[in-house]
């Protein structure tokens, strides 16, 4: 059990580091929300970054558990991909339109489903 959790944890951390490296390699582009002061500031996360933040416990205050507890919460349907997106919208990490983006939702759901294999029921 511990070996499986360790393998999953290391895999997620490696994927997170790889995602961050790719994002940095793409360069900095101007965020339209920062160029127009009348627009509310909302950053935009990739589905992988949202999952990574949730996995690392960034949304614990909002009721989303981190690390292996996230996998078990997904299996028991206490947390869904839609829940993660809503929390990210609430903390201004995603625009509200993301909730209706089925591709985004499916990627987050797939990441959670893959992680859920590490939860011993």
C-alpha atoms as a PDB file:
ATOM      1  CA  UNK A   1       0.000   0.000   0.000  1.00  0.00           C
ATOM      2  CA  UNK A   2       2.697   2.496   1.012  1.00  0.00           C
ATOM      3  CA  UNK A   3       4.756   1.577  -2.008  1.00  0.00           C
ATOM      4  CA  UNK A   4       1.787   2.261  -4.285  1.00  0.00           C
ATOM      5  CA  UNK A   5       1.091   5.620  -2.620  1.00  0.00           C
ATOM      6  CA  UNK A   6       4.768   6.524  -2.919  1.00  0.00           C
ATOM      7  CA  UNK A   7       4.832   5.608  -6.618  1.00  0.00           C
ATOM      8  CA  UNK A   8       1.690   7.645  -7.311  1.00  0.00           C
ATOM      9  CA  UNK A   9       2.996  10.605  -5.314  1.00  0.00           C
ATOM     10  CA  UNK A  10       6.329  10.603  -7.106  1.00  0.00           C
ATOM     11  CA  UNK A  11       4.594  10.284 -10.476  1.00  0.00           C
ATOM     12  CA  UNK A  12       2.354  13.258  -9.768  1.00  0.00           C
ATOM     13  CA  UNK A  13       5.283  15.349  -8.577  1.00  0.00           C
ATOM     14  CA  UNK A  14       7.289  14.511 -11.695  1.00  0.00           C
ATOM     15  CA  UNK A  15       4.332  15.392 -13.925  1.00  0.00           C
ATOM     16  CA  UNK A  16       3.915  18.667 -12.061  1.00  0.00           C
ATOM     17  CA  UNK A  17       7.562  19.569 -12.527  1.00  0.00           C
ATOM     18  CA  UNK A  18       7.385  18.634 -16.206  1.00  0.00           C
ATOM     19  CA  UNK A  19       4.239  20.776 -16.691  1.00  0.00           C
ATOM     20  CA  UNK A  20       5.879  23.757 -15.006  1.00  0.00           C
ATOM     21  CA  UNK A  21       8.962  23.415 -17.198  1.00  0.00           C
ATOM     22  CA  UNK A  22       6.859  23.396 -20.355  1.00  0.00           C
ATOM     23  CA  UNK A  23       4.873  26.408 -19.176  1.00  0.00           C
ATOM     24  CA  UNK A  24       8.078  28.345 -18.509  1.00  0.00           C
ATOM     25  CA  UNK A  25       9.484  27.374 -21.902  1.00  0.00           C
ATOM     26  CA  UNK A  26       6.445  28.826 -23.656  1.00  0.00           C
ATOM     27  CA  UNK A  27       7.398  32.251 -22.354  1.00  0.00           C
ATOM     28  CA  UNK A  28       5.416  34.960 -20.693  1.00  0.00           C
ATOM     29  CA  UNK A  29       2.439  36.338 -22.518  1.00  0.00           C
ATOM     30  CA  UNK A  30       0.387  39.296 -21.433  1.00  0.00           C
ATOM     31  CA  UNK A  31      -2.709  38.327 -19.485  1.00  0.00           C
ATOM     32  CA  UNK A  32      -5.698  40.299 -20.830  1.00  0.00           C
ATOM     33  CA  UNK A  33      -7.100  40.535 -17.317  1.00  0.00           C
ATOM     34  CA  UNK A  34      -4.049  42.534 -16.218  1.00  0.00           C
ATOM     35  CA  UNK A  35      -4.083  44.900 -19.185  1.00  0.00           C
ATOM     36  CA  UNK A  36      -7.621  46.138 -18.541  1.00  0.00           C
ATOM     37  CA  UNK A  37      -8.018  47.387 -14.960  1.00  0.00           C
ATOM     38  CA  UNK A  38     -11.824  47.331 -15.218  1.00  0.00           C
ATOM     39  CA  UNK A  39     -11.893  43.549 -15.606  1.00  0.00           C
ATOM     40  CA  UNK A  40     -11.811  41.424 -12.459  1.00  0.00           C
ATOM     41  CA  UNK A  41      -8.500  39.681 -12.022  1.00  0.00           C
ATOM     42  CA  UNK A  42      -8.846  35.983 -12.688  1.00  0.00           C
ATOM     43  CA  UNK A  43      -5.874  33.879 -13.590  1.00  0.00           C
ATOM     44  CA  UNK A  44      -6.221  30.807 -15.711  1.00  0.00           C
ATOM     45  CA  UNK A  45      -4.858  27.406 -14.777  1.00  0.00           C
ATOM     46  CA  UNK A  46      -4.398  24.434 -17.037  1.00  0.00           C
ATOM     47  CA  UNK A  47      -6.339  21.331 -15.954  1.00  0.00           C
ATOM     48  CA  UNK A  48      -3.016  19.739 -14.968  1.00  0.00           C
ATOM     49  CA  UNK A  49      -2.084  22.727 -12.812  1.00  0.00           C
ATOM     50  CA  UNK A  50      -5.500  22.707 -11.136  1.00  0.00           C
ATOM     51  CA  UNK A  51      -5.130  19.015 -10.346  1.00  0.00           C
ATOM     52  CA  UNK A  52      -1.597  19.544  -9.081  1.00  0.00           C
ATOM     53  CA  UNK A  53      -2.674  22.364  -6.766  1.00  0.00           C
ATOM     54  CA  UNK A  54      -5.535  20.267  -5.414  1.00  0.00           C
ATOM     55  CA  UNK A  55      -3.293  17.253  -4.918  1.00  0.00           C
ATOM     56  CA  UNK A  56      -0.743  19.341  -3.018  1.00  0.00           C
ATOM     57  CA  UNK A  57      -3.484  20.562  -0.661  1.00  0.00           C
ATOM     58  CA  UNK A  58      -3.854  24.127  -1.923  1.00  0.00           C
ATOM     59  CA  UNK A  59      -7.648  23.974  -1.483  1.00  0.00           C
ATOM     60  CA  UNK A  60      -7.811  22.411   1.988  1.00  0.00           C
ATOM     61  CA  UNK A  61      -9.314  25.579   3.453  1.00  0.00           C
ATOM     62  CA  UNK A  62     -12.126  25.250   0.910  1.00  0.00           C
ATOM     63  CA  UNK A  63     -12.780  21.623   1.945  1.00  0.00           C
ATOM     64  CA  UNK A  64     -10.817  19.777  -0.750  1.00  0.00           C
ATOM     65  CA  UNK A  65      -8.402  17.286   0.844  1.00  0.00           C
ATOM     66  CA  UNK A  66      -4.910  16.912  -0.532  1.00  0.00           C
ATOM     67  CA  UNK A  67      -2.505  14.078  -1.214  1.00  0.00           C
ATOM     68  CA  UNK A  68      -3.855  10.494  -0.916  1.00  0.00           C
ATOM     69  CA  UNK A  69      -7.013  11.739   0.833  1.00  0.00           C
ATOM     70  CA  UNK A  70      -8.000  13.442  -2.447  1.00  0.00           C
ATOM     71  CA  UNK A  71      -8.047  10.060  -4.195  1.00  0.00           C
ATOM     72  CA  UNK A  72     -10.312   8.540  -1.558  1.00  0.00           C
ATOM     73  CA  UNK A  73     -12.593  11.591  -1.554  1.00  0.00           C
ATOM     74  CA  UNK A  74     -12.991  11.172  -5.325  1.00  0.00           C
ATOM     75  CA  UNK A  75     -13.740   7.440  -5.013  1.00  0.00           C
ATOM     76  CA  UNK A  76     -16.407   8.106  -2.372  1.00  0.00           C
ATOM     77  CA  UNK A  77     -17.799  10.986  -4.459  1.00  0.00           C
ATOM     78  CA  UNK A  78     -17.091  13.571  -1.793  1.00  0.00           C
ATOM     79  CA  UNK A  79     -15.056  15.505  -4.381  1.00  0.00           C
ATOM     80  CA  UNK A  80     -15.658  15.737  -8.123  1.00  0.00           C
ATOM     81  CA  UNK A  81     -13.867  17.470 -10.968  1.00  0.00           C
ATOM     82  CA  UNK A  82     -16.690  20.013 -10.961  1.00  0.00           C
ATOM     83  CA  UNK A  83     -16.024  20.694  -7.256  1.00  0.00           C
ATOM     84  CA  UNK A  84     -12.356  21.430  -7.972  1.00  0.00           C
ATOM     85  CA  UNK A  85     -13.290  23.818 -10.764  1.00  0.00           C
ATOM     86  CA  UNK A  86     -15.862  25.603  -8.574  1.00  0.00           C
ATOM     87  CA  UNK A  87     -13.315  26.081  -5.801  1.00  0.00           C
ATOM     88  CA  UNK A  88     -10.763  27.444  -8.280  1.00  0.00           C
ATOM     89  CA  UNK A  89     -13.404  29.862  -9.583  1.00  0.00           C
ATOM     90  CA  UNK A  90     -14.218  30.949  -6.022  1.00  0.00           C
ATOM     91  CA  UNK A  91     -10.565  31.754  -5.289  1.00  0.00           C
ATOM     92  CA  UNK A  92     -10.178  33.568  -8.627  1.00  0.00           C
ATOM     93  CA  UNK A  93      -7.851  30.999 -10.190  1.00  0.00           C
ATOM     94  CA  UNK A  94     -10.261  30.258 -13.062  1.00  0.00           C
ATOM     95  CA  UNK A  95     -12.906  32.235 -14.933  1.00  0.00           C
ATOM     96  CA  UNK A  96     -16.530  31.115 -14.376  1.00  0.00           C
ATOM     97  CA  UNK A  97     -16.828  29.981 -18.008  1.00  0.00           C
ATOM     98  CA  UNK A  98     -14.469  27.100 -17.208  1.00  0.00           C
ATOM     99  CA  UNK A  99     -17.342  25.294 -15.506  1.00  0.00           C
ATOM    100  CA  UNK A 100     -19.028  24.791 -18.878  1.00  0.00           C
ATOM    101  CA  UNK A 101     -15.829  23.706 -20.678  1.00  0.00           C
ATOM    102  CA  UNK A 102     -16.377  19.958 -21.103  1.00  0.00           C
ATOM    103  CA  UNK A 103     -12.821  19.310 -22.302  1.00  0.00           C
ATOM    104  CA  UNK A 104     -11.380  20.984 -19.203  1.00  0.00           C
ATOM    105  CA  UNK A 105     -13.806  19.094 -16.970  1.00  0.00           C
ATOM    106  CA  UNK A 106     -12.946  15.770 -18.625  1.00  0.00           C
ATOM    107  CA  UNK A 107      -9.195  16.277 -18.214  1.00  0.00           C
ATOM    108  CA  UNK A 108      -9.571  17.067 -14.502  1.00  0.00           C
ATOM    109  CA  UNK A 109     -11.914  14.100 -14.066  1.00  0.00           C
ATOM    110  CA  UNK A 110      -9.450  11.782 -15.811  1.00  0.00           C
ATOM    111  CA  UNK A 111      -6.608  12.983 -13.574  1.00  0.00           C
ATOM    112  CA  UNK A 112      -8.748  12.306 -10.489  1.00  0.00           C
ATOM    113  CA  UNK A 113      -9.795   8.890 -11.795  1.00  0.00           C
ATOM    114  CA  UNK A 114      -6.170   7.920 -12.411  1.00  0.00           C
ATOM    115  CA  UNK A 115      -5.226   9.051  -8.921  1.00  0.00           C
ATOM    116  CA  UNK A 116      -8.140   7.144  -7.391  1.00  0.00           C
ATOM    117  CA  UNK A 117      -6.400   3.852  -8.130  1.00  0.00           C
ATOM    118  CA  UNK A 118      -4.174   4.607  -5.152  1.00  0.00           C
ATOM    119  CA  UNK A 119      -7.108   4.657  -2.719  1.00  0.00           C
ATOM    120  CA  UNK A 120      -7.652   1.444  -0.783  1.00  0.00           C
ATOM    121  CA  UNK A 121     -11.359   1.232  -0.231  1.00  0.00           C
END
